[in-house]
Amino acid sequence: MSLADNTPGTHGTAPYDGMRFVTTLTFKVPDGLAAPARPPVVTPKR
């Protein structure tokens, strides 16, 4: 799930044009399905 907020603003003294928020949803299944492969861990772009 993701949300893009294109409202300009500042973070401290650094201005930005917009923000993007990303989250995940996890389900616990007791039996039957194998967990999906995890995506690679990456460093956020700044």
Protein backbone atom coordinates (compact mmCIF):
# COMPACT_ATOMS: atom_id res chain seq x y z
CA MET A 1 0.00 0.00 0.00
CA SER A 2 1.33 3.44 -0.81
CA LEU A 3 0.25 7.06 -0.59
CA ALA A 4 1.70 10.04 -2.44
CA ASP A 5 1.27 13.52 -0.94
CA ASN A 6 2.34 16.14 -3.47
CA THR A 7 1.96 19.06 -1.07
CA PRO A 8 5.25 21.01 -0.95
CA GLY A 9 6.79 21.57 2.47
CA THR A 10 9.99 21.51 4.48
CA HIS A 11 11.65 18.91 6.69
CA GLY A 12 13.83 20.87 9.07
CA THR A 13 15.44 23.36 6.71
CA ALA A 14 15.31 21.14 3.59
CA PRO A 15 12.43 21.87 1.18
CA TYR A 16 10.63 19.04 -0.62
CA ASP A 17 8.08 18.85 -3.46
CA GLY A 18 6.14 15.86 -2.11
CA MET A 19 6.30 12.74 0.04
CA ARG A 20 5.56 9.09 -0.60
CA PHE A 21 4.53 6.74 2.21
CA VAL A 22 4.77 2.96 1.77
CA THR A 23 3.69 0.15 4.09
CA THR A 24 3.18 -3.59 3.93
CA LEU A 25 0.48 -5.91 5.18
CA THR A 26 1.41 -9.32 6.59
CA PHE A 27 -0.86 -12.30 7.18
CA LYS A 28 -0.06 -15.26 9.39
CA VAL A 29 -1.34 -18.54 7.96
CA PRO A 30 -1.11 -21.47 10.40
CA ASP A 31 -0.59 -24.22 7.76
CA GLY A 32 -0.59 -24.83 4.05
CA LEU A 33 1.06 -21.88 2.31
CA ALA A 34 4.75 -21.10 2.13
CA ALA A 35 5.77 -17.51 2.83
CA PRO A 36 6.41 -15.38 -0.28
CA ALA A 37 9.99 -14.40 -1.06
CA ARG A 38 11.10 -11.21 0.66
CA PRO A 39 12.15 -8.29 -1.54
CA PRO A 40 15.75 -7.09 -1.27
CA VAL A 41 16.54 -4.54 1.42
CA VAL A 42 17.44 -1.16 -0.09
CA THR A 43 18.51 2.19 1.30
CA PRO A 44 15.93 4.96 0.78
CA LYS A 45 16.90 7.60 -1.78
CA ARG A 46 17.55 11.00 -0.28
